[in-house]
Amino acid sequence: MRKDLAHARVTVAGYDSIDEPDTGVGITWLNHRDLVGAVQLPDRCTDCPEYNYNRIRLADGRVFFMVGVDLDWIEHDPLP
């Protein structure tokens, strides 16, 4: 999660799947702690609506599609 969102204690949407036209299905609200240790997964296709989202796997094994602007994959100092 972006550091500014984490500091503001914002939750961001994670979707179970993406439907046409770019509509998230099965929303789960995730906070900074949920996203600690998450990894980005490779795209499954390049011509489907999922391609416009980042597919991630949380440390607990759950997989979600997320809007990339909510994520920050650059290493930062850990939050307190």
Protein backbone atom coordinates (compact mmCIF):
# COMPACT_ATOMS: atom_id res chain seq x y z
CA MET A 1 0.00 0.00 0.00
CA ARG A 2 1.16 3.52 -0.63
CA LYS A 3 2.73 5.00 2.47
CA ASP A 4 0.45 8.06 2.50
CA LEU A 5 -2.66 5.84 2.44
CA ALA A 6 -1.28 3.65 5.21
CA HIS A 7 -0.54 6.65 7.42
CA ALA A 8 -4.08 7.95 6.83
CA ARG A 9 -5.43 4.50 7.81
CA VAL A 10 -7.30 4.22 4.53
CA THR A 11 -8.67 0.90 3.33
CA VAL A 12 -8.44 0.00 -0.35
CA ALA A 13 -10.51 -2.33 -2.47
CA GLY A 14 -9.36 -5.81 -3.41
CA TYR A 15 -11.55 -7.75 -5.84
CA ASP A 16 -12.03 -11.51 -6.21
CA SER A 17 -12.39 -11.12 -9.97
CA ILE A 18 -12.89 -8.55 -12.70
CA ASP A 19 -15.86 -8.57 -15.05
CA GLU A 20 -16.58 -6.67 -18.26
CA PRO A 21 -16.18 -3.71 -18.54
CA ASP A 22 -13.55 -3.36 -15.82
CA THR A 23 -15.92 -3.97 -12.92
CA GLY A 24 -14.62 -5.46 -9.69
CA VAL A 25 -16.56 -8.43 -8.32
CA GLY A 26 -16.46 -9.58 -4.69
CA ILE A 27 -14.97 -6.58 -2.90
CA THR A 28 -12.82 -6.92 0.23
CA TRP A 29 -11.54 -3.82 2.01
CA LEU A 30 -7.85 -4.14 2.86
CA ASN A 31 -5.71 -2.06 5.17
CA HIS A 32 -1.95 -1.66 5.48
CA ARG A 33 -1.55 -4.67 7.74
CA ASP A 34 -3.43 -6.88 5.29
CA LEU A 35 -0.99 -5.90 2.54
CA VAL A 36 2.27 -6.42 4.47
CA GLY A 37 4.17 -9.18 2.68
CA ALA A 38 1.94 -9.15 -0.42
CA VAL A 39 3.53 -10.06 -3.73
CA GLN A 40 2.51 -9.14 -7.23
CA LEU A 41 1.53 -12.07 -9.43
CA PRO A 42 1.96 -12.22 -13.21
CA ASP A 43 -0.90 -11.28 -15.51
CA ARG A 44 -3.00 -14.21 -16.67
CA CYS A 45 -3.98 -12.59 -19.97
CA THR A 46 -3.38 -9.40 -21.93
CA ASP A 47 -6.76 -9.09 -23.64
CA CYS A 48 -9.16 -9.35 -20.70
CA PRO A 49 -10.33 -6.74 -18.16
CA GLU A 50 -8.10 -8.29 -15.46
CA TYR A 51 -5.08 -6.88 -17.31
CA ASN A 52 -5.95 -3.37 -16.11
CA TYR A 53 -5.51 -4.42 -12.46
CA ASN A 54 -2.63 -5.75 -10.38
CA ARG A 55 -3.09 -9.34 -9.23
CA ILE A 56 -1.59 -9.83 -5.77
CA ARG A 57 -1.24 -12.63 -3.24
CA LEU A 58 -1.35 -11.68 0.41
CA ALA A 59 0.90 -13.28 2.99
CA ASP A 60 -2.08 -15.41 4.12
CA GLY A 61 -2.50 -16.81 0.57
CA ARG A 62 -5.60 -14.88 -0.51
CA VAL A 63 -5.45 -13.49 -4.05
CA PHE A 64 -7.02 -10.19 -5.12
CA PHE A 65 -7.12 -7.83 -8.07
CA MET A 66 -6.28 -4.26 -7.08
CA VAL A 67 -6.02 -0.85 -8.68
CA GLY A 68 -2.32 -0.21 -9.12
CA VAL A 69 -2.43 3.39 -7.90
CA ASP A 70 -3.29 2.11 -4.38
CA LEU A 71 -0.11 0.02 -4.28
CA ASP A 72 3.51 0.98 -3.85
CA TRP A 73 6.03 -1.74 -4.64
CA ILE A 74 9.08 0.45 -3.93
CA GLU A 75 10.83 -0.39 -0.67
CA HIS A 76 10.24 2.21 2.03
CA ASP A 77 11.04 2.47 5.68
CA PRO A 78 8.60 0.29 7.63
CA LEU A 79 5.64 2.01 9.22
CA PRO A 80 5.60 2.29 13.01
